[in-house]
Amino acid sequence: MNINIKNITKKLKLSWLFIICLGFLHSCYSFTGSSLTDEKTVQINEFPNNAALVNPALSQQFSTDIQNRFLQRTTLKGTKENPDILIEGEITDYSITPTTISSNTTTTSTGGVINESQNKLTITVKVHYENKLHPELSFDRTYSDEAVFNSSLSQSDIETSQVKIVTERIINKIFNDIVANW
């Protein structure tokens, strides 16, 4: 068995150099991806539902979900007085519209064909974001998303499953625009 001490020593030196470089890079760059550096506090006001079709639970649920997202996934602390960041807005559209009359067909045991139709849920939210420490980052934007579902779903099923999917997507967009600032 021929062991080359020079190769082993060289590999150990390179390994240590790699570990030191990695540690240096980690200390220079935060891998969180957050653009919020100086901001410490956030105030997120309730988002009233001003849509023509009103889902009675939507305003409260959306407001709670967006507050939870910012308080759980950032180091920001909630406040009601003089916040570094203010997030507020309103739900401007909540609509359910037919998208297809016969998207899927099912053959019954007797050979008949049943056509299934689909509907689309659309939710639109207008957001005002104010960053008091970095006013150039402030914005007013409208976010919208949708989910297509089988028209056989009950109103209760739509409100528990489809609304959750759409609001989660909208909150992701808002969160990414404010925190990631990509």
N, C-alpha and C. Protein backbone atom coordinates (compact mmCIF):
# COMPACT_ATOMS: atom_id res chain seq x y z
N MET A 1 0.84 -1.18 0.00
CA MET A 1 0.00 0.00 0.00
C MET A 1 0.88 1.23 0.00
N ASN A 2 0.73 2.04 -1.01
CA ASN A 2 1.56 3.21 -1.17
C ASN A 2 0.73 4.46 -0.85
N ILE A 3 1.04 5.13 0.23
CA ILE A 3 0.32 6.34 0.64
C ILE A 3 1.19 7.54 0.33
N ASN A 4 0.61 8.47 -0.40
CA ASN A 4 1.34 9.67 -0.78
C ASN A 4 0.98 10.78 0.21
N ILE A 5 1.87 11.07 1.13
CA ILE A 5 1.64 12.06 2.19
C ILE A 5 1.45 13.45 1.59
N LYS A 6 2.17 13.76 0.53
CA LYS A 6 2.06 15.10 -0.08
C LYS A 6 0.65 15.33 -0.62
N ASN A 7 0.05 14.34 -1.26
CA ASN A 7 -1.31 14.49 -1.80
C ASN A 7 -2.33 14.65 -0.68
N ILE A 8 -2.18 13.89 0.39
CA ILE A 8 -3.11 14.00 1.52
C ILE A 8 -3.00 15.37 2.16
N THR A 9 -1.78 15.86 2.37
CA THR A 9 -1.57 17.18 2.96
C THR A 9 -2.15 18.27 2.06
N LYS A 10 -1.97 18.13 0.77
CA LYS A 10 -2.49 19.12 -0.18
C LYS A 10 -4.02 19.14 -0.14
N LYS A 11 -4.64 17.97 -0.09
CA LYS A 11 -6.10 17.88 -0.04
C LYS A 11 -6.64 18.46 1.27
N LEU A 12 -5.96 18.22 2.37
CA LEU A 12 -6.38 18.80 3.66
C LEU A 12 -6.30 20.32 3.64
N LYS A 13 -5.22 20.85 3.08
CA LYS A 13 -5.06 22.31 2.99
C LYS A 13 -6.17 22.92 2.13
N LEU A 14 -6.48 22.28 1.00
CA LEU A 14 -7.55 22.78 0.12
C LEU A 14 -8.92 22.70 0.81
N SER A 15 -9.13 21.64 1.57
CA SER A 15 -10.40 21.50 2.30
C SER A 15 -10.55 22.62 3.33
N TRP A 16 -9.48 22.87 4.07
CA TRP A 16 -9.53 23.94 5.09
C TRP A 16 -9.71 25.31 4.44
N LEU A 17 -9.06 25.52 3.32
CA LEU A 17 -9.20 26.79 2.60
C LEU A 17 -10.64 26.97 2.12
N PHE A 18 -11.25 25.89 1.63
CA PHE A 18 -12.64 25.94 1.19
C PHE A 18 -13.57 26.27 2.36
N ILE A 19 -13.36 25.65 3.50
CA ILE A 19 -14.20 25.90 4.68
C ILE A 19 -14.04 27.33 5.16
N ILE A 20 -12.84 27.84 5.16
CA ILE A 20 -12.60 29.23 5.59
C ILE A 20 -13.27 30.20 4.62
N CYS A 21 -13.15 29.95 3.31
CA CYS A 21 -13.80 30.82 2.31
C CYS A 21 -15.31 30.79 2.46
N LEU A 22 -15.86 29.60 2.68
CA LEU A 22 -17.30 29.46 2.86
C LEU A 22 -17.77 30.23 4.09
N GLY A 23 -17.02 30.14 5.17
CA GLY A 23 -17.36 30.89 6.39
C GLY A 23 -17.29 32.38 6.16
N PHE A 24 -16.29 32.83 5.42
CA PHE A 24 -16.16 34.26 5.11
C PHE A 24 -17.33 34.74 4.27
N LEU A 25 -17.69 33.98 3.25
CA LEU A 25 -18.83 34.37 2.40
C LEU A 25 -20.12 34.39 3.19
N HIS A 26 -20.30 33.44 4.07
CA HIS A 26 -21.52 33.39 4.88
C HIS A 26 -21.61 34.61 5.80
N SER A 27 -20.49 35.07 6.32
CA SER A 27 -20.52 36.23 7.21
C SER A 27 -20.77 37.53 6.43
N CYS A 28 -20.44 37.54 5.14
CA CYS A 28 -20.63 38.74 4.33
C CYS A 28 -22.02 38.84 3.73
N TYR A 29 -22.68 37.73 3.54
CA TYR A 29 -23.96 37.73 2.84
C TYR A 29 -24.98 36.97 3.63
N SER A 30 -26.15 37.57 3.77
CA SER A 30 -27.25 36.89 4.45
C SER A 30 -28.05 36.12 3.42
N PHE A 31 -28.31 34.86 3.67
CA PHE A 31 -29.03 34.02 2.72
C PHE A 31 -30.54 34.09 2.91
N THR A 32 -31.03 35.02 3.71
CA THR A 32 -32.47 35.13 3.91
C THR A 32 -33.16 35.74 2.72
N GLY A 33 -32.46 36.58 1.96
CA GLY A 33 -33.05 37.19 0.79
C GLY A 33 -33.94 38.37 1.11
N SER A 34 -33.99 38.80 2.34
CA SER A 34 -34.86 39.90 2.73
C SER A 34 -34.21 41.24 2.43
N SER A 35 -35.00 42.14 1.88
CA SER A 35 -34.51 43.49 1.62
C SER A 35 -34.80 44.41 2.80
N LEU A 36 -35.51 43.89 3.80
CA LEU A 36 -35.82 44.68 4.99
C LEU A 36 -34.62 44.63 5.92
N THR A 37 -33.90 45.74 6.02
CA THR A 37 -32.68 45.75 6.82
C THR A 37 -32.83 46.61 8.07
N ASP A 38 -33.34 47.81 7.91
CA ASP A 38 -33.46 48.74 9.03
C ASP A 38 -34.83 48.69 9.69
N GLU A 39 -35.79 48.16 8.99
CA GLU A 39 -37.17 48.16 9.45
C GLU A 39 -37.35 47.19 10.62
N LYS A 40 -38.03 47.67 11.66
CA LYS A 40 -38.24 46.86 12.86
C LYS A 40 -39.72 46.59 13.15
N THR A 41 -40.60 47.51 12.74
CA THR A 41 -42.02 47.39 13.09
C THR A 41 -42.91 47.45 11.85
N VAL A 42 -44.06 46.81 11.96
CA VAL A 42 -45.01 46.79 10.85
C VAL A 42 -46.43 46.95 11.42
N GLN A 43 -47.23 47.69 10.69
CA GLN A 43 -48.66 47.79 10.99
C GLN A 43 -49.41 47.32 9.76
N ILE A 44 -50.24 46.29 9.95
CA ILE A 44 -51.05 45.76 8.85
C ILE A 44 -52.51 45.96 9.22
N ASN A 45 -53.15 46.88 8.53
CA ASN A 45 -54.55 47.18 8.81
C ASN A 45 -55.46 46.15 8.15
N GLU A 46 -56.69 46.09 8.64
CA GLU A 46 -57.67 45.16 8.06
C GLU A 46 -57.97 45.55 6.63
N PHE A 47 -58.15 44.55 5.78
CA PHE A 47 -58.49 44.74 4.38
C PHE A 47 -59.99 44.58 4.23
N PRO A 48 -60.75 45.69 4.13
CA PRO A 48 -62.20 45.55 3.99
C PRO A 48 -62.56 44.95 2.64
N ASN A 49 -63.68 44.24 2.62
CA ASN A 49 -64.16 43.63 1.38
C ASN A 49 -65.14 44.58 0.72
N ASN A 50 -64.69 45.27 -0.32
CA ASN A 50 -65.52 46.22 -1.06
C ASN A 50 -65.93 45.68 -2.42
N ALA A 51 -65.88 44.37 -2.57
CA ALA A 51 -66.28 43.73 -3.83
C ALA A 51 -67.80 43.72 -3.93
N ALA A 52 -68.29 43.63 -5.16
CA ALA A 52 -69.75 43.58 -5.37
C ALA A 52 -70.35 42.31 -4.77
N LEU A 53 -69.67 41.18 -4.94
CA LEU A 53 -70.09 39.92 -4.33
C LEU A 53 -69.28 39.75 -3.04
N VAL A 54 -69.96 39.68 -1.92
CA VAL A 54 -69.25 39.68 -0.64
C VAL A 54 -69.23 38.29 -0.03
N ASN A 55 -68.04 37.81 0.22
CA ASN A 55 -67.83 36.61 1.03
C ASN A 55 -67.65 37.13 2.45
N PRO A 56 -68.56 36.82 3.38
CA PRO A 56 -68.54 37.45 4.70
C PRO A 56 -67.28 37.17 5.53
N ALA A 57 -66.59 36.06 5.27
CA ALA A 57 -65.41 35.73 6.07
C ALA A 57 -64.11 36.19 5.41
N LEU A 58 -64.16 36.64 4.18
CA LEU A 58 -62.94 36.92 3.41
C LEU A 58 -62.10 38.04 4.01
N SER A 59 -62.70 39.14 4.39
CA SER A 59 -61.95 40.27 4.91
C SER A 59 -61.14 39.88 6.15
N GLN A 60 -61.79 39.27 7.10
CA GLN A 60 -61.12 38.88 8.34
C GLN A 60 -60.04 37.83 8.08
N GLN A 61 -60.37 36.84 7.25
CA GLN A 61 -59.41 35.77 6.98
C GLN A 61 -58.18 36.29 6.24
N PHE A 62 -58.39 37.12 5.21
CA PHE A 62 -57.27 37.66 4.45
C PHE A 62 -56.39 38.52 5.35
N SER A 63 -57.01 39.37 6.15
CA SER A 63 -56.25 40.26 7.04
C SER A 63 -55.42 39.46 8.03
N THR A 64 -55.99 38.43 8.61
CA THR A 64 -55.27 37.59 9.57
C THR A 64 -54.13 36.84 8.89
N ASP A 65 -54.39 36.30 7.70
CA ASP A 65 -53.37 35.53 6.99
C ASP A 65 -52.18 36.40 6.59
N ILE A 66 -52.42 37.61 6.12
CA ILE A 66 -51.29 38.47 5.71
C ILE A 66 -50.51 38.95 6.95
N GLN A 67 -51.20 39.22 8.04
CA GLN A 67 -50.51 39.59 9.28
C GLN A 67 -49.62 38.45 9.75
N ASN A 68 -50.18 37.25 9.75
CA ASN A 68 -49.40 36.08 10.18
C ASN A 68 -48.17 35.86 9.31
N ARG A 69 -48.33 36.05 8.01
CA ARG A 69 -47.20 35.85 7.09
C ARG A 69 -46.04 36.78 7.46
N PHE A 70 -46.32 38.05 7.67
CA PHE A 70 -45.25 39.00 7.96
C PHE A 70 -44.67 38.82 9.36
N LEU A 71 -45.50 38.51 10.32
CA LEU A 71 -45.01 38.37 11.69
C LEU A 71 -44.28 37.05 11.91
N GLN A 72 -44.62 36.01 11.16
CA GLN A 72 -43.97 34.71 11.34
C GLN A 72 -42.73 34.53 10.47
N ARG A 73 -42.68 35.20 9.33
CA ARG A 73 -41.57 34.95 8.40
C ARG A 73 -40.58 36.10 8.29
N THR A 74 -40.74 37.11 9.13
CA THR A 74 -39.77 38.19 9.18
C THR A 74 -39.46 38.47 10.64
N THR A 75 -38.52 39.36 10.88
CA THR A 75 -38.20 39.75 12.25
C THR A 75 -39.00 40.98 12.67
N LEU A 76 -39.94 41.42 11.83
CA LEU A 76 -40.75 42.59 12.13
C LEU A 76 -41.67 42.32 13.31
N LYS A 77 -41.88 43.34 14.11
CA LYS A 77 -42.81 43.28 15.25
C LYS A 77 -44.04 44.11 14.91
N GLY A 78 -45.21 43.60 15.26
CA GLY A 78 -46.45 44.32 15.00
C GLY A 78 -46.60 45.50 15.94
N THR A 79 -47.14 46.60 15.43
CA THR A 79 -47.37 47.79 16.24
C THR A 79 -48.58 48.55 15.71
N LYS A 80 -49.15 49.40 16.55
CA LYS A 80 -50.26 50.26 16.13
C LYS A 80 -49.83 51.73 16.09
N GLU A 81 -48.62 52.01 16.56
CA GLU A 81 -48.15 53.40 16.62
C GLU A 81 -46.83 53.57 15.87
N ASN A 82 -46.78 54.53 14.99
CA ASN A 82 -45.58 54.94 14.28
C ASN A 82 -44.76 53.76 13.73
N PRO A 83 -45.35 52.95 12.84
CA PRO A 83 -44.62 51.79 12.31
C PRO A 83 -43.60 52.21 11.24
N ASP A 84 -42.57 51.39 11.09
CA ASP A 84 -41.61 51.60 10.00
C ASP A 84 -42.26 51.24 8.66
N ILE A 85 -43.14 50.25 8.69
CA ILE A 85 -43.83 49.78 7.49
C ILE A 85 -45.33 49.77 7.75
N LEU A 86 -46.08 50.30 6.79
CA LEU A 86 -47.54 50.27 6.85
C LEU A 86 -48.05 49.51 5.62
N ILE A 87 -48.91 48.52 5.88
CA ILE A 87 -49.53 47.75 4.80
C ILE A 87 -51.03 47.81 5.01
N GLU A 88 -51.73 48.30 3.99
CA GLU A 88 -53.19 48.38 4.07
C GLU A 88 -53.76 48.26 2.67
N GLY A 89 -55.06 48.11 2.60
CA GLY A 89 -55.67 48.00 1.29
C GLY A 89 -57.10 47.55 1.39
N GLU A 90 -57.61 47.02 0.29
CA GLU A 90 -58.99 46.58 0.23
C GLU A 90 -59.14 45.47 -0.79
N ILE A 91 -60.14 44.63 -0.57
CA ILE A 91 -60.51 43.60 -1.53
C ILE A 91 -61.49 44.26 -2.49
N THR A 92 -61.10 44.35 -3.75
CA THR A 92 -61.91 45.09 -4.72
C THR A 92 -62.75 44.20 -5.62
N ASP A 93 -62.39 42.91 -5.72
CA ASP A 93 -63.17 42.01 -6.56
C ASP A 93 -63.16 40.61 -5.97
N TYR A 94 -64.33 40.02 -5.96
CA TYR A 94 -64.53 38.62 -5.58
C TYR A 94 -65.61 38.13 -6.52
N SER A 95 -65.23 37.31 -7.49
CA SER A 95 -66.23 36.89 -8.47
C SER A 95 -66.06 35.42 -8.83
N ILE A 96 -67.17 34.82 -9.14
CA ILE A 96 -67.21 33.44 -9.62
C ILE A 96 -67.90 33.47 -10.97
N THR A 97 -67.18 33.04 -11.99
CA THR A 97 -67.71 33.09 -13.35
C THR A 97 -67.52 31.74 -14.03
N PRO A 98 -68.44 31.36 -14.93
CA PRO A 98 -68.26 30.11 -15.67
C PRO A 98 -67.12 30.24 -16.66
N THR A 99 -66.34 29.18 -16.78
CA THR A 99 -65.23 29.20 -17.75
C THR A 99 -65.47 28.25 -18.90
N THR A 100 -66.03 27.08 -18.62
CA THR A 100 -66.32 26.13 -19.68
C THR A 100 -67.68 25.49 -19.42
N ILE A 101 -68.35 25.18 -20.48
CA ILE A 101 -69.66 24.55 -20.34
C ILE A 101 -69.50 23.04 -20.22
N SER A 102 -68.56 22.47 -20.96
CA SER A 102 -68.37 21.02 -20.86
C SER A 102 -66.88 20.69 -20.96
N SER A 103 -66.20 20.85 -19.86
CA SER A 103 -64.76 20.61 -19.87
C SER A 103 -64.42 19.13 -19.83
N ASN A 104 -65.10 18.38 -18.98
CA ASN A 104 -64.84 16.95 -18.85
C ASN A 104 -66.12 16.19 -19.15
N THR A 105 -65.98 15.06 -19.77
CA THR A 105 -67.14 14.21 -19.99
C THR A 105 -66.91 12.89 -19.29
N THR A 106 -67.95 12.38 -18.71
CA THR A 106 -67.91 11.11 -18.01
C THR A 106 -68.96 10.20 -18.60
N THR A 107 -68.60 8.96 -18.87
CA THR A 107 -69.55 7.99 -19.39
C THR A 107 -70.17 7.23 -18.23
N THR A 108 -71.47 7.18 -18.19
CA THR A 108 -72.18 6.46 -17.12
C THR A 108 -72.21 4.97 -17.43
N SER A 109 -72.65 4.19 -16.47
CA SER A 109 -72.70 2.73 -16.66
C SER A 109 -73.69 2.32 -17.75
N THR A 110 -74.65 3.18 -18.04
CA THR A 110 -75.64 2.88 -19.08
C THR A 110 -75.21 3.40 -20.44
N GLY A 111 -74.00 3.99 -20.53
CA GLY A 111 -73.50 4.47 -21.80
C GLY A 111 -73.79 5.94 -22.06
N GLY A 112 -74.46 6.62 -21.14
CA GLY A 112 -74.74 8.04 -21.30
C GLY A 112 -73.51 8.88 -21.03
N VAL A 113 -73.53 10.11 -21.48
CA VAL A 113 -72.40 11.02 -21.28
C VAL A 113 -72.86 12.19 -20.41
N ILE A 114 -72.06 12.49 -19.38
CA ILE A 114 -72.35 13.62 -18.50
C ILE A 114 -71.28 14.67 -18.74
N ASN A 115 -71.71 15.87 -19.06
CA ASN A 115 -70.78 16.97 -19.25
C ASN A 115 -70.62 17.73 -17.93
N GLU A 116 -69.37 17.97 -17.54
CA GLU A 116 -69.10 18.73 -16.33
C GLU A 116 -68.63 20.13 -16.71
N SER A 117 -69.12 21.12 -16.02
CA SER A 117 -68.68 22.48 -16.30
C SER A 117 -67.74 22.96 -15.20
N GLN A 118 -67.00 24.01 -15.52
CA GLN A 118 -66.06 24.57 -14.56
C GLN A 118 -66.33 26.04 -14.36
N ASN A 119 -66.00 26.50 -13.16
CA ASN A 119 -66.11 27.91 -12.81
C ASN A 119 -64.74 28.44 -12.42
N LYS A 120 -64.65 29.75 -12.41
CA LYS A 120 -63.39 30.40 -12.04
C LYS A 120 -63.66 31.39 -10.92
N LEU A 121 -62.90 31.26 -9.84
CA LEU A 121 -62.95 32.23 -8.74
C LEU A 121 -61.81 33.22 -8.94
N THR A 122 -62.15 34.51 -8.93
CA THR A 122 -61.14 35.56 -9.06
C THR A 122 -61.24 36.48 -7.86
N ILE A 123 -60.10 36.76 -7.26
CA ILE A 123 -60.03 37.72 -6.15
C ILE A 123 -58.99 38.77 -6.51
N THR A 124 -59.34 40.03 -6.30
CA THR A 124 -58.44 41.14 -6.57
C THR A 124 -58.30 41.97 -5.31
N VAL A 125 -57.05 42.33 -4.98
CA VAL A 125 -56.76 43.10 -3.77
C VAL A 125 -55.90 44.30 -4.15
N LYS A 126 -56.32 45.46 -3.69
CA LYS A 126 -55.54 46.69 -3.89
C LYS A 126 -54.72 46.91 -2.62
N VAL A 127 -53.40 47.12 -2.78
CA VAL A 127 -52.50 47.22 -1.63
C VAL A 127 -51.75 48.56 -1.65
N HIS A 128 -51.72 49.18 -0.47
CA HIS A 128 -50.89 50.37 -0.25
C HIS A 128 -49.78 49.96 0.71
N TYR A 129 -48.52 50.05 0.24
CA TYR A 129 -47.36 49.73 1.05
C TYR A 129 -46.56 51.00 1.25
N GLU A 130 -46.32 51.33 2.50
CA GLU A 130 -45.56 52.54 2.82
C GLU A 130 -44.39 52.16 3.71
N ASN A 131 -43.19 52.46 3.22
CA ASN A 131 -41.97 52.22 3.98
C ASN A 131 -41.45 53.59 4.42
N LYS A 132 -41.59 53.88 5.71
CA LYS A 132 -41.23 55.21 6.21
C LYS A 132 -39.73 55.43 6.28
N LEU A 133 -38.94 54.36 6.39
CA LEU A 133 -37.48 54.49 6.43
C LEU A 133 -36.88 54.58 5.03
N HIS A 134 -37.52 53.96 4.08
CA HIS A 134 -37.06 53.97 2.68
C HIS A 134 -38.26 54.27 1.78
N PRO A 135 -38.68 55.54 1.72
CA PRO A 135 -39.89 55.91 0.98
C PRO A 135 -39.85 55.54 -0.51
N GLU A 136 -38.68 55.42 -1.07
CA GLU A 136 -38.58 55.06 -2.50
C GLU A 136 -39.08 53.64 -2.77
N LEU A 137 -39.19 52.82 -1.73
CA LEU A 137 -39.69 51.45 -1.89
C LEU A 137 -41.22 51.36 -1.78
N SER A 138 -41.86 52.42 -1.34
CA SER A 138 -43.32 52.42 -1.16
C SER A 138 -44.02 52.26 -2.50
N PHE A 139 -45.22 51.67 -2.47
CA PHE A 139 -45.98 51.50 -3.71
C PHE A 139 -47.46 51.31 -3.44
N ASP A 140 -48.25 51.48 -4.50
CA ASP A 140 -49.67 51.13 -4.55
C ASP A 140 -49.80 50.17 -5.73
N ARG A 141 -50.27 48.94 -5.46
CA ARG A 141 -50.40 47.94 -6.52
C ARG A 141 -51.69 47.16 -6.34
N THR A 142 -52.11 46.57 -7.44
CA THR A 142 -53.27 45.70 -7.43
C THR A 142 -52.80 44.28 -7.74
N TYR A 143 -53.25 43.34 -6.91
CA TYR A 143 -52.90 41.93 -7.06
C TYR A 143 -54.17 41.14 -7.34
N SER A 144 -54.05 40.20 -8.25
CA SER A 144 -55.21 39.39 -8.59
C SER A 144 -54.75 37.97 -8.86
N ASP A 145 -55.60 37.01 -8.53
CA ASP A 145 -55.31 35.62 -8.85
C ASP A 145 -56.62 34.88 -8.98
N GLU A 146 -56.55 33.66 -9.49
CA GLU A 146 -57.77 32.92 -9.76
C GLU A 146 -57.54 31.42 -9.57
N ALA A 147 -58.63 30.70 -9.43
CA ALA A 147 -58.61 29.24 -9.35
C ALA A 147 -59.80 28.71 -10.13
N VAL A 148 -59.56 27.70 -10.93
CA VAL A 148 -60.62 27.06 -11.71
C VAL A 148 -61.02 25.79 -10.96
N PHE A 149 -62.32 25.56 -10.87
CA PHE A 149 -62.82 24.42 -10.11
C PHE A 149 -64.08 23.88 -10.75
N ASN A 150 -64.42 22.66 -10.39
CA ASN A 150 -65.62 22.01 -10.90
C ASN A 150 -66.85 22.73 -10.37
N SER A 151 -67.81 22.98 -11.22
CA SER A 151 -69.00 23.73 -10.81
C SER A 151 -69.89 22.97 -9.84
N SER A 152 -69.59 21.71 -9.62
CA SER A 152 -70.39 20.94 -8.67
C SER A 152 -70.01 21.24 -7.21
N LEU A 153 -68.93 21.99 -7.00
CA LEU A 153 -68.54 22.35 -5.62
C LEU A 153 -69.61 23.22 -4.99
N SER A 154 -69.87 22.98 -3.73
CA SER A 154 -70.84 23.81 -3.00
C SER A 154 -70.21 25.15 -2.65
N GLN A 155 -71.03 26.12 -2.29
CA GLN A 155 -70.53 27.43 -1.89
C GLN A 155 -69.59 27.29 -0.69
N SER A 156 -69.93 26.41 0.22
CA SER A 156 -69.09 26.17 1.40
C SER A 156 -67.72 25.61 0.99
N ASP A 157 -67.71 24.66 0.05
CA ASP A 157 -66.44 24.09 -0.42
C ASP A 157 -65.58 25.14 -1.11
N ILE A 158 -66.22 26.00 -1.89
CA ILE A 158 -65.50 27.07 -2.58
C ILE A 158 -64.85 27.99 -1.56
N GLU A 159 -65.60 28.37 -0.54
CA GLU A 159 -65.10 29.31 0.44
C GLU A 159 -64.00 28.72 1.33
N THR A 160 -64.00 27.41 1.53
CA THR A 160 -62.96 26.83 2.37
C THR A 160 -61.73 26.40 1.59
N SER A 161 -61.90 25.92 0.38
CA SER A 161 -60.73 25.42 -0.36
C SER A 161 -60.22 26.40 -1.41
N GLN A 162 -61.06 26.83 -2.32
CA GLN A 162 -60.63 27.66 -3.44
C GLN A 162 -60.20 29.07 -2.99
N VAL A 163 -60.95 29.64 -2.07
CA VAL A 163 -60.59 30.98 -1.56
C VAL A 163 -59.23 30.92 -0.88
N LYS A 164 -58.98 29.86 -0.14
CA LYS A 164 -57.69 29.70 0.54
C LYS A 164 -56.54 29.63 -0.46
N ILE A 165 -56.75 28.90 -1.55
CA ILE A 165 -55.72 28.78 -2.59
C ILE A 165 -55.41 30.15 -3.20
N VAL A 166 -56.45 30.87 -3.57
CA VAL A 166 -56.27 32.16 -4.25
C VAL A 166 -55.65 33.20 -3.30
N THR A 167 -56.15 33.29 -2.07
CA THR A 167 -55.60 34.29 -1.15
C THR A 167 -54.16 33.97 -0.79
N GLU A 168 -53.82 32.70 -0.70
CA GLU A 168 -52.43 32.32 -0.41
C GLU A 168 -51.51 32.80 -1.53
N ARG A 169 -51.94 32.65 -2.77
CA ARG A 169 -51.13 33.11 -3.90
C ARG A 169 -50.96 34.63 -3.88
N ILE A 170 -52.03 35.34 -3.59
CA ILE A 170 -51.97 36.80 -3.55
C ILE A 170 -51.04 37.26 -2.43
N ILE A 171 -51.16 36.64 -1.27
CA ILE A 171 -50.30 37.00 -0.13
C ILE A 171 -48.84 36.71 -0.47
N ASN A 172 -48.57 35.60 -1.17
CA ASN A 172 -47.20 35.31 -1.60
C ASN A 172 -46.64 36.41 -2.49
N LYS A 173 -47.45 36.89 -3.42
CA LYS A 173 -47.01 37.97 -4.32
C LYS A 173 -46.71 39.24 -3.54
N ILE A 174 -47.61 39.61 -2.62
CA ILE A 174 -47.42 40.82 -1.82
C ILE A 174 -46.16 40.69 -0.97
N PHE A 175 -46.04 39.56 -0.28
CA PHE A 175 -44.88 39.32 0.59
C PHE A 175 -43.59 39.40 -0.20
N ASN A 176 -43.54 38.75 -1.36
CA ASN A 176 -42.32 38.77 -2.17
C ASN A 176 -42.00 40.17 -2.66
N ASP A 177 -43.00 40.95 -3.05
CA ASP A 177 -42.74 42.30 -3.52
C ASP A 177 -42.20 43.20 -2.41
N ILE A 178 -42.62 42.95 -1.19
CA ILE A 178 -42.18 43.80 -0.07
C ILE A 178 -40.89 43.28 0.55
N VAL A 179 -40.81 42.01 0.82
CA VAL A 179 -39.68 41.46 1.56
C VAL A 179 -38.52 41.10 0.64
N ALA A 180 -38.80 40.41 -0.44
CA ALA A 180 -37.71 39.99 -1.35
C ALA A 180 -37.24 41.14 -2.22
N ASN A 181 -38.18 42.00 -2.63
CA ASN A 181 -37.87 43.17 -3.44
C ASN A 181 -37.01 42.79 -4.65
N TRP A 182 -37.40 41.74 -5.34
CA TRP A 182 -36.65 41.28 -6.51
C TRP A 182 -37.23 41.96 -7.69
